[in-house]
Amino acid sequence: MGIKKSRKGYTQVYTGNGKGKTTAAIGLAIRAAGAGLKVFIAQFIKMGDYSEIKALKRFSDLITVEQFGLGRFANRIPAPADIKAARKGLERVKSVLATDEYNIVIMEEANVAVKLGLFGVQDLLKIIINKPHDKELVITGRGASPRVIEIADLVTEMKPIKHYFQKGVPARVGIEK
């Protein structure tokens, strides 16, 4: 099975300060894999074997995850190595979009990467604009640029109403991390 060439792919953005942006993108990836579609996930901030990475390995024939973050920010200011890693990720996303290997490309925490100065909003806009018409592109992360929101086809804002973190509950393995 697979996306037919004539099917239009859209750009989706999951943003906001609430919990669930990455979870929504991974849910979409699993749904797509269930339909036989191939998914490429580029993680721009995280580095390491998080619970979602461990789970997605079970779908490695259909879902590929590559990390382009070094997982560290001192005072939220990126080092040259962080910028280099993110730019490598951008180039990888461009090359993946240029092939027929994947139907869906997820740029996890790409909005945050822009906010932190790992790459410019113009770089992200170019990826959206140049995306092949039959590919689905998903961009996650809080603080999406108004320009990204404007050009996207679907934007979902995760809005925090109440979170137990405010009562001191730390992130739990399998739930938040």
N, C-alpha and C. Protein backbone atom coordinates (compact mmCIF):
# COMPACT_ATOMS: atom_id res chain seq x y z
N MET A 1 0.86 -1.18 0.00
CA MET A 1 0.00 0.00 0.00
C MET A 1 0.89 1.22 0.00
N GLY A 2 0.45 2.39 -0.01
CA GLY A 2 1.26 3.59 0.00
C GLY A 2 0.45 4.74 -0.55
N ILE A 3 0.96 5.91 -0.35
CA ILE A 3 0.26 7.09 -0.86
C ILE A 3 0.42 7.12 -2.37
N LYS A 4 -0.70 7.30 -3.07
CA LYS A 4 -0.63 7.45 -4.51
C LYS A 4 -0.04 8.81 -4.84
N LYS A 5 0.63 8.89 -5.97
CA LYS A 5 1.28 10.14 -6.39
C LYS A 5 0.27 11.29 -6.47
N SER A 6 -0.98 10.98 -6.82
CA SER A 6 -1.95 12.05 -7.00
C SER A 6 -2.53 12.57 -5.68
N ARG A 7 -2.29 11.86 -4.57
CA ARG A 7 -2.81 12.30 -3.28
C ARG A 7 -2.01 13.48 -2.77
N LYS A 8 -2.71 14.50 -2.31
CA LYS A 8 -2.04 15.70 -1.80
C LYS A 8 -1.59 15.48 -0.36
N GLY A 9 -0.37 15.89 -0.09
CA GLY A 9 0.13 15.88 1.27
C GLY A 9 0.03 17.29 1.84
N TYR A 10 -0.16 17.40 3.12
CA TYR A 10 -0.34 18.69 3.76
C TYR A 10 0.76 18.95 4.78
N THR A 11 0.84 20.18 5.21
CA THR A 11 1.77 20.56 6.28
C THR A 11 0.97 20.76 7.55
N GLN A 12 1.33 19.99 8.57
CA GLN A 12 0.67 20.08 9.87
C GLN A 12 1.66 20.65 10.88
N VAL A 13 1.17 21.47 11.80
CA VAL A 13 1.99 22.03 12.87
C VAL A 13 1.30 21.75 14.20
N TYR A 14 2.06 21.16 15.12
CA TYR A 14 1.58 20.94 16.49
C TYR A 14 2.43 21.83 17.38
N THR A 15 1.80 22.83 17.99
CA THR A 15 2.55 23.80 18.78
C THR A 15 1.79 24.09 20.08
N GLY A 16 2.27 25.06 20.84
CA GLY A 16 1.62 25.44 22.09
C GLY A 16 2.43 25.01 23.29
N ASN A 17 2.02 25.50 24.44
CA ASN A 17 2.75 25.23 25.68
C ASN A 17 2.26 23.98 26.41
N GLY A 18 1.23 23.34 25.90
CA GLY A 18 0.69 22.15 26.55
C GLY A 18 1.40 20.87 26.16
N LYS A 19 1.14 19.85 26.93
CA LYS A 19 1.71 18.51 26.71
C LYS A 19 1.03 17.86 25.51
N GLY A 20 1.80 17.11 24.72
CA GLY A 20 1.18 16.27 23.71
C GLY A 20 1.58 16.49 22.27
N LYS A 21 2.48 17.41 22.00
CA LYS A 21 2.87 17.69 20.61
C LYS A 21 3.61 16.50 20.00
N THR A 22 4.65 16.05 20.66
CA THR A 22 5.40 14.89 20.17
C THR A 22 4.52 13.65 20.19
N THR A 23 3.73 13.50 21.22
CA THR A 23 2.84 12.35 21.33
C THR A 23 1.87 12.29 20.15
N ALA A 24 1.33 13.44 19.77
CA ALA A 24 0.42 13.48 18.61
C ALA A 24 1.14 13.09 17.33
N ALA A 25 2.35 13.58 17.15
CA ALA A 25 3.12 13.26 15.95
C ALA A 25 3.46 11.77 15.90
N ILE A 26 3.82 11.20 17.03
CA ILE A 26 4.14 9.78 17.08
C ILE A 26 2.88 8.94 16.86
N GLY A 27 1.76 9.40 17.39
CA GLY A 27 0.49 8.72 17.13
C GLY A 27 0.17 8.70 15.65
N LEU A 28 0.41 9.81 14.96
CA LEU A 28 0.21 9.87 13.52
C LEU A 28 1.15 8.91 12.81
N ALA A 29 2.41 8.85 13.27
CA ALA A 29 3.38 7.94 12.66
C ALA A 29 2.93 6.49 12.79
N ILE A 30 2.42 6.12 13.95
CA ILE A 30 1.97 4.74 14.17
C ILE A 30 0.73 4.45 13.32
N ARG A 31 -0.18 5.41 13.25
CA ARG A 31 -1.37 5.23 12.39
C ARG A 31 -0.94 5.03 10.94
N ALA A 32 0.01 5.85 10.48
CA ALA A 32 0.50 5.75 9.11
C ALA A 32 1.15 4.40 8.86
N ALA A 33 1.97 3.95 9.82
CA ALA A 33 2.62 2.64 9.69
C ALA A 33 1.57 1.53 9.60
N GLY A 34 0.50 1.67 10.36
CA GLY A 34 -0.58 0.70 10.30
C GLY A 34 -1.23 0.63 8.93
N ALA A 35 -1.14 1.72 8.18
CA ALA A 35 -1.68 1.77 6.82
C ALA A 35 -0.62 1.42 5.78
N GLY A 36 0.58 1.06 6.24
CA GLY A 36 1.65 0.67 5.33
C GLY A 36 2.46 1.83 4.78
N LEU A 37 2.29 3.02 5.36
CA LEU A 37 3.05 4.18 4.91
C LEU A 37 4.38 4.25 5.63
N LYS A 38 5.36 4.84 4.97
CA LYS A 38 6.70 4.98 5.56
C LYS A 38 6.87 6.39 6.12
N VAL A 39 7.44 6.45 7.32
CA VAL A 39 7.58 7.71 8.06
C VAL A 39 9.03 7.94 8.42
N PHE A 40 9.47 9.17 8.23
CA PHE A 40 10.81 9.60 8.66
C PHE A 40 10.63 10.66 9.74
N ILE A 41 11.25 10.44 10.89
CA ILE A 41 11.19 11.39 12.00
C ILE A 41 12.57 11.94 12.26
N ALA A 42 12.70 13.27 12.14
CA ALA A 42 13.95 13.96 12.46
C ALA A 42 13.74 14.67 13.78
N GLN A 43 14.51 14.31 14.79
CA GLN A 43 14.42 14.96 16.10
C GLN A 43 15.54 16.00 16.19
N PHE A 44 15.15 17.26 16.41
CA PHE A 44 16.12 18.34 16.37
C PHE A 44 16.68 18.76 17.72
N ILE A 45 16.11 18.33 18.82
CA ILE A 45 16.62 18.73 20.14
C ILE A 45 17.09 17.51 20.92
N LYS A 46 16.30 16.47 20.92
CA LYS A 46 16.58 15.30 21.74
C LYS A 46 17.75 14.49 21.23
N MET A 47 18.41 13.83 22.16
CA MET A 47 19.44 12.85 21.86
C MET A 47 19.33 11.80 22.95
N GLY A 48 19.29 10.56 22.55
CA GLY A 48 19.23 9.50 23.54
C GLY A 48 18.12 8.52 23.25
N ASP A 49 18.02 7.52 24.09
CA ASP A 49 17.10 6.42 23.91
C ASP A 49 15.85 6.65 24.76
N TYR A 50 15.04 7.63 24.40
CA TYR A 50 13.80 7.92 25.11
C TYR A 50 12.81 6.78 24.90
N SER A 51 11.77 6.74 25.72
CA SER A 51 10.78 5.66 25.64
C SER A 51 10.16 5.58 24.25
N GLU A 52 9.86 6.74 23.63
CA GLU A 52 9.24 6.70 22.31
C GLU A 52 10.19 6.11 21.26
N ILE A 53 11.49 6.35 21.42
CA ILE A 53 12.48 5.79 20.49
C ILE A 53 12.49 4.27 20.63
N LYS A 54 12.47 3.80 21.86
CA LYS A 54 12.45 2.35 22.10
C LYS A 54 11.21 1.72 21.47
N ALA A 55 10.06 2.37 21.63
CA ALA A 55 8.81 1.83 21.08
C ALA A 55 8.82 1.84 19.56
N LEU A 56 9.31 2.91 18.97
CA LEU A 56 9.29 3.03 17.52
C LEU A 56 10.24 2.04 16.83
N LYS A 57 11.21 1.54 17.56
CA LYS A 57 12.11 0.52 16.99
C LYS A 57 11.32 -0.72 16.57
N ARG A 58 10.17 -0.95 17.18
CA ARG A 58 9.33 -2.09 16.83
C ARG A 58 8.72 -1.93 15.43
N PHE A 59 8.71 -0.70 14.94
CA PHE A 59 8.16 -0.40 13.62
C PHE A 59 9.27 0.00 12.65
N SER A 60 10.48 -0.48 12.88
CA SER A 60 11.64 0.00 12.13
C SER A 60 11.56 -0.27 10.62
N ASP A 61 10.69 -1.16 10.21
CA ASP A 61 10.53 -1.39 8.76
C ASP A 61 9.76 -0.25 8.10
N LEU A 62 8.99 0.51 8.89
CA LEU A 62 8.17 1.59 8.34
C LEU A 62 8.47 2.97 8.93
N ILE A 63 9.05 3.02 10.12
CA ILE A 63 9.33 4.30 10.77
C ILE A 63 10.83 4.39 11.05
N THR A 64 11.43 5.43 10.55
CA THR A 64 12.85 5.70 10.78
C THR A 64 12.97 6.94 11.64
N VAL A 65 13.76 6.86 12.70
CA VAL A 65 14.01 8.02 13.57
C VAL A 65 15.50 8.33 13.53
N GLU A 66 15.81 9.58 13.25
CA GLU A 66 17.19 10.05 13.31
C GLU A 66 17.24 11.28 14.20
N GLN A 67 18.25 11.35 15.04
CA GLN A 67 18.38 12.47 15.99
C GLN A 67 19.47 13.42 15.53
N PHE A 68 19.12 14.72 15.54
CA PHE A 68 20.05 15.76 15.13
C PHE A 68 20.22 16.81 16.23
N GLY A 69 19.93 16.39 17.44
CA GLY A 69 20.15 17.24 18.60
C GLY A 69 21.26 16.62 19.42
N LEU A 70 21.94 17.45 20.17
CA LEU A 70 22.98 16.94 21.05
C LEU A 70 22.47 16.82 22.48
N GLY A 71 21.20 17.21 22.68
CA GLY A 71 20.55 17.01 23.96
C GLY A 71 21.07 17.88 25.08
N ARG A 72 21.70 19.00 24.75
CA ARG A 72 22.26 19.85 25.82
C ARG A 72 22.20 21.30 25.39
N PHE A 73 21.76 22.13 26.32
CA PHE A 73 21.79 23.57 26.10
C PHE A 73 22.15 24.23 27.42
N ALA A 74 23.28 24.91 27.45
CA ALA A 74 23.67 25.67 28.63
C ALA A 74 23.05 27.05 28.49
N ASN A 75 22.21 27.41 29.42
CA ASN A 75 21.51 28.70 29.39
C ASN A 75 20.72 28.90 28.11
N ARG A 76 20.29 27.79 27.49
CA ARG A 76 19.47 27.82 26.28
C ARG A 76 20.17 28.52 25.12
N ILE A 77 21.48 28.61 25.17
CA ILE A 77 22.25 29.18 24.07
C ILE A 77 22.97 28.04 23.36
N PRO A 78 22.69 27.82 22.08
CA PRO A 78 23.32 26.70 21.39
C PRO A 78 24.80 26.95 21.10
N ALA A 79 25.57 25.91 21.22
CA ALA A 79 26.99 25.94 20.85
C ALA A 79 27.09 25.70 19.35
N PRO A 80 28.23 26.04 18.75
CA PRO A 80 28.42 25.77 17.31
C PRO A 80 28.13 24.31 16.93
N ALA A 81 28.46 23.37 17.81
CA ALA A 81 28.19 21.95 17.52
C ALA A 81 26.69 21.67 17.45
N ASP A 82 25.90 22.36 18.28
CA ASP A 82 24.45 22.20 18.24
C ASP A 82 23.89 22.70 16.91
N ILE A 83 24.39 23.85 16.48
CA ILE A 83 23.95 24.44 15.21
C ILE A 83 24.33 23.53 14.05
N LYS A 84 25.53 23.01 14.08
CA LYS A 84 26.00 22.10 13.03
C LYS A 84 25.12 20.85 12.95
N ALA A 85 24.79 20.28 14.10
CA ALA A 85 23.96 19.08 14.15
C ALA A 85 22.57 19.37 13.57
N ALA A 86 21.98 20.51 13.95
CA ALA A 86 20.65 20.86 13.45
C ALA A 86 20.67 21.10 11.95
N ARG A 87 21.70 21.76 11.46
CA ARG A 87 21.79 22.02 10.01
C ARG A 87 21.98 20.71 9.24
N LYS A 88 22.69 19.76 9.85
CA LYS A 88 22.82 18.44 9.24
C LYS A 88 21.43 17.80 9.14
N GLY A 89 20.62 17.98 10.18
CA GLY A 89 19.25 17.47 10.17
C GLY A 89 18.41 18.11 9.09
N LEU A 90 18.56 19.42 8.92
CA LEU A 90 17.82 20.11 7.86
C LEU A 90 18.17 19.55 6.49
N GLU A 91 19.45 19.34 6.25
CA GLU A 91 19.89 18.79 4.97
C GLU A 91 19.35 17.38 4.78
N ARG A 92 19.31 16.61 5.86
CA ARG A 92 18.79 15.24 5.79
C ARG A 92 17.30 15.26 5.45
N VAL A 93 16.54 16.16 6.08
CA VAL A 93 15.11 16.28 5.79
C VAL A 93 14.91 16.64 4.31
N LYS A 94 15.69 17.58 3.82
CA LYS A 94 15.58 17.96 2.40
C LYS A 94 15.84 16.76 1.49
N SER A 95 16.87 15.98 1.81
CA SER A 95 17.19 14.82 0.96
C SER A 95 16.11 13.75 1.05
N VAL A 96 15.52 13.56 2.24
CA VAL A 96 14.45 12.59 2.40
C VAL A 96 13.21 13.03 1.60
N LEU A 97 12.90 14.31 1.66
CA LEU A 97 11.74 14.82 0.92
C LEU A 97 11.93 14.68 -0.59
N ALA A 98 13.16 14.67 -1.03
CA ALA A 98 13.45 14.59 -2.47
C ALA A 98 13.37 13.16 -3.01
N THR A 99 13.16 12.19 -2.13
CA THR A 99 13.07 10.79 -2.57
C THR A 99 11.63 10.31 -2.45
N ASP A 100 11.38 9.13 -2.98
CA ASP A 100 10.06 8.51 -2.83
C ASP A 100 10.04 7.49 -1.69
N GLU A 101 11.09 7.47 -0.88
CA GLU A 101 11.21 6.46 0.16
C GLU A 101 10.19 6.62 1.29
N TYR A 102 9.86 7.87 1.64
CA TYR A 102 8.97 8.13 2.77
C TYR A 102 7.74 8.91 2.32
N ASN A 103 6.61 8.61 2.95
CA ASN A 103 5.36 9.31 2.67
C ASN A 103 5.16 10.50 3.61
N ILE A 104 5.67 10.36 4.83
CA ILE A 104 5.46 11.37 5.87
C ILE A 104 6.81 11.71 6.49
N VAL A 105 7.04 13.01 6.67
CA VAL A 105 8.25 13.48 7.33
C VAL A 105 7.83 14.30 8.54
N ILE A 106 8.35 13.93 9.69
CA ILE A 106 8.06 14.64 10.94
C ILE A 106 9.33 15.33 11.40
N MET A 107 9.23 16.64 11.59
CA MET A 107 10.35 17.45 12.09
C MET A 107 10.05 17.78 13.55
N GLU A 108 10.48 16.89 14.42
CA GLU A 108 10.14 17.02 15.84
C GLU A 108 10.99 18.09 16.50
N GLU A 109 10.32 19.02 17.18
CA GLU A 109 10.93 20.16 17.87
C GLU A 109 11.61 21.15 16.92
N ALA A 110 11.19 21.15 15.65
CA ALA A 110 11.76 22.11 14.69
C ALA A 110 11.41 23.55 15.06
N ASN A 111 10.21 23.76 15.63
CA ASN A 111 9.85 25.12 16.06
C ASN A 111 10.79 25.61 17.17
N VAL A 112 11.13 24.73 18.08
CA VAL A 112 12.05 25.06 19.17
C VAL A 112 13.45 25.33 18.61
N ALA A 113 13.84 24.53 17.63
CA ALA A 113 15.15 24.73 17.00
C ALA A 113 15.25 26.13 16.40
N VAL A 114 14.17 26.59 15.78
CA VAL A 114 14.14 27.96 15.23
C VAL A 114 14.25 28.97 16.37
N LYS A 115 13.44 28.78 17.41
CA LYS A 115 13.44 29.71 18.56
C LYS A 115 14.82 29.82 19.21
N LEU A 116 15.55 28.69 19.25
CA LEU A 116 16.86 28.67 19.89
C LEU A 116 17.98 29.15 18.96
N GLY A 117 17.65 29.39 17.70
CA GLY A 117 18.64 29.87 16.77
C GLY A 117 19.50 28.78 16.14
N LEU A 118 19.02 27.52 16.17
CA LEU A 118 19.76 26.44 15.54
C LEU A 118 19.72 26.56 14.01
N PHE A 119 18.60 27.07 13.53
CA PHE A 119 18.47 27.46 12.12
C PHE A 119 17.36 28.50 12.05
N GLY A 120 17.28 29.19 10.93
CA GLY A 120 16.35 30.29 10.81
C GLY A 120 14.96 29.87 10.38
N VAL A 121 13.98 30.72 10.67
CA VAL A 121 12.61 30.44 10.25
C VAL A 121 12.54 30.34 8.73
N GLN A 122 13.38 31.09 8.05
CA GLN A 122 13.41 31.04 6.58
C GLN A 122 13.78 29.64 6.09
N ASP A 123 14.67 28.97 6.81
CA ASP A 123 15.04 27.59 6.45
C ASP A 123 13.83 26.66 6.54
N LEU A 124 13.05 26.83 7.60
CA LEU A 124 11.87 26.00 7.79
C LEU A 124 10.80 26.33 6.75
N LEU A 125 10.63 27.60 6.46
CA LEU A 125 9.65 28.01 5.45
C LEU A 125 10.00 27.45 4.08
N LYS A 126 11.28 27.42 3.75
CA LYS A 126 11.71 26.87 2.46
C LYS A 126 11.37 25.39 2.36
N ILE A 127 11.53 24.66 3.46
CA ILE A 127 11.18 23.24 3.45
C ILE A 127 9.69 23.06 3.21
N ILE A 128 8.87 23.88 3.87
CA ILE A 128 7.42 23.80 3.69
C ILE A 128 7.05 24.13 2.24
N ILE A 129 7.58 25.22 1.73
CA ILE A 129 7.24 25.67 0.38
C ILE A 129 7.70 24.67 -0.69
N ASN A 130 8.87 24.09 -0.49
CA ASN A 130 9.45 23.18 -1.49
C ASN A 130 9.06 21.71 -1.29
N LYS A 131 8.25 21.44 -0.29
CA LYS A 131 7.80 20.07 -0.02
C LYS A 131 7.06 19.52 -1.24
N PRO A 132 7.41 18.30 -1.67
CA PRO A 132 6.66 17.71 -2.78
C PRO A 132 5.17 17.62 -2.43
N HIS A 133 4.32 17.81 -3.44
CA HIS A 133 2.88 17.89 -3.20
C HIS A 133 2.28 16.64 -2.58
N ASP A 134 2.94 15.49 -2.76
CA ASP A 134 2.37 14.24 -2.27
C ASP A 134 2.93 13.81 -0.91
N LYS A 135 3.77 14.63 -0.30
CA LYS A 135 4.35 14.29 1.02
C LYS A 135 3.59 15.02 2.12
N GLU A 136 3.43 14.34 3.24
CA GLU A 136 2.86 14.95 4.44
C GLU A 136 4.04 15.42 5.29
N LEU A 137 3.98 16.64 5.77
CA LEU A 137 5.03 17.21 6.61
C LEU A 137 4.42 17.62 7.94
N VAL A 138 5.03 17.16 9.03
CA VAL A 138 4.55 17.49 10.37
C VAL A 138 5.69 18.18 11.11
N ILE A 139 5.38 19.34 11.68
CA ILE A 139 6.37 20.12 12.42
C ILE A 139 5.86 20.31 13.84
N THR A 140 6.68 19.93 14.83
CA THR A 140 6.24 20.06 16.22
C THR A 140 7.12 21.05 16.97
N GLY A 141 6.65 21.41 18.14
CA GLY A 141 7.41 22.25 19.06
C GLY A 141 6.67 23.52 19.41
N ARG A 142 6.84 23.92 20.65
CA ARG A 142 6.21 25.15 21.11
C ARG A 142 6.81 26.34 20.39
N GLY A 143 6.08 27.44 20.40
CA GLY A 143 6.60 28.69 19.86
C GLY A 143 6.71 28.74 18.35
N ALA A 144 5.79 28.11 17.64
CA ALA A 144 5.82 28.17 16.17
C ALA A 144 5.76 29.61 15.70
N SER A 145 6.58 29.93 14.73
CA SER A 145 6.59 31.27 14.14
C SER A 145 5.24 31.58 13.50
N PRO A 146 4.77 32.81 13.64
CA PRO A 146 3.52 33.19 12.95
C PRO A 146 3.59 32.93 11.45
N ARG A 147 4.77 33.02 10.87
CA ARG A 147 4.93 32.77 9.43
C ARG A 147 4.74 31.29 9.12
N VAL A 148 5.21 30.41 10.00
CA VAL A 148 5.01 28.97 9.82
C VAL A 148 3.53 28.65 9.98
N ILE A 149 2.90 29.24 10.99
CA ILE A 149 1.47 29.02 11.23
C ILE A 149 0.65 29.47 10.01
N GLU A 150 1.02 30.59 9.44
CA GLU A 150 0.29 31.13 8.30
C GLU A 150 0.37 30.22 7.07
N ILE A 151 1.52 29.64 6.83
CA ILE A 151 1.73 28.85 5.61
C ILE A 151 1.29 27.40 5.76
N ALA A 152 1.17 26.91 6.99
CA ALA A 152 0.77 25.51 7.23
C ALA A 152 -0.69 25.30 6.84
N ASP A 153 -1.04 24.05 6.58
CA ASP A 153 -2.42 23.70 6.23
C ASP A 153 -3.26 23.39 7.45
N LEU A 154 -2.63 22.86 8.50
CA LEU A 154 -3.31 22.48 9.72
C LEU A 154 -2.42 22.90 10.89
N VAL A 155 -2.99 23.59 11.85
CA VAL A 155 -2.24 23.99 13.03
C VAL A 155 -3.07 23.62 14.26
N THR A 156 -2.44 22.87 15.16
CA THR A 156 -3.08 22.53 16.42
C THR A 156 -2.23 23.11 17.54
N GLU A 157 -2.89 23.85 18.42
CA GLU A 157 -2.20 24.42 19.58
C GLU A 157 -2.56 23.61 20.82
N MET A 158 -1.56 23.06 21.47
CA MET A 158 -1.76 22.35 22.72
C MET A 158 -1.75 23.41 23.83
N LYS A 159 -2.87 23.54 24.50
CA LYS A 159 -3.02 24.58 25.52
C LYS A 159 -3.09 23.94 26.90
N PRO A 160 -2.18 24.33 27.79
CA PRO A 160 -2.23 23.75 29.13
C PRO A 160 -3.40 24.34 29.94
N ILE A 161 -4.18 23.48 30.50
CA ILE A 161 -5.27 23.90 31.40
C ILE A 161 -4.86 23.58 32.83
N LYS A 162 -4.34 22.37 33.03
CA LYS A 162 -3.94 21.91 34.34
C LYS A 162 -2.88 20.83 34.14
N HIS A 163 -1.84 20.85 34.93
CA HIS A 163 -0.79 19.84 34.79
C HIS A 163 -0.23 19.54 36.18
N TYR A 164 -0.09 18.26 36.49
CA TYR A 164 0.41 17.86 37.81
C TYR A 164 1.86 18.26 38.03
N PHE A 165 2.57 18.61 36.99
CA PHE A 165 3.94 19.11 37.12
C PHE A 165 3.97 20.35 38.03
N GLN A 166 2.90 21.14 37.96
CA GLN A 166 2.80 22.35 38.79
C GLN A 166 2.69 22.01 40.28
N LYS A 167 2.34 20.77 40.59
CA LYS A 167 2.28 20.32 41.98
C LYS A 167 3.51 19.54 42.37
N GLY A 168 4.56 19.62 41.50
CA GLY A 168 5.82 18.97 41.83
C GLY A 168 6.02 17.56 41.34
N VAL A 169 5.09 17.06 40.52
CA VAL A 169 5.25 15.70 39.99
C VAL A 169 6.29 15.74 38.88
N PRO A 170 7.38 14.99 39.05
CA PRO A 170 8.42 14.99 38.00
C PRO A 170 7.97 14.18 36.78
N ALA A 171 8.65 14.41 35.65
CA ALA A 171 8.37 13.65 34.44
C ALA A 171 8.59 12.17 34.71
N ARG A 172 7.62 11.35 34.28
CA ARG A 172 7.64 9.92 34.53
C ARG A 172 7.99 9.14 33.27
N VAL A 173 8.81 8.12 33.44
CA VAL A 173 9.19 7.26 32.31
C VAL A 173 7.94 6.59 31.75
N GLY A 174 7.78 6.65 30.45
CA GLY A 174 6.63 6.02 29.79
C GLY A 174 5.41 6.92 29.70
N ILE A 175 5.41 8.02 30.43
CA ILE A 175 4.28 8.96 30.38
C ILE A 175 4.74 10.30 29.80
N GLU A 176 5.71 10.92 30.40
CA GLU A 176 6.27 12.19 29.88
C GLU A 176 7.63 12.03 29.24
N LYS A 177 8.30 10.95 29.52
CA LYS A 177 9.63 10.75 28.92
C LYS A 177 9.91 9.29 28.66
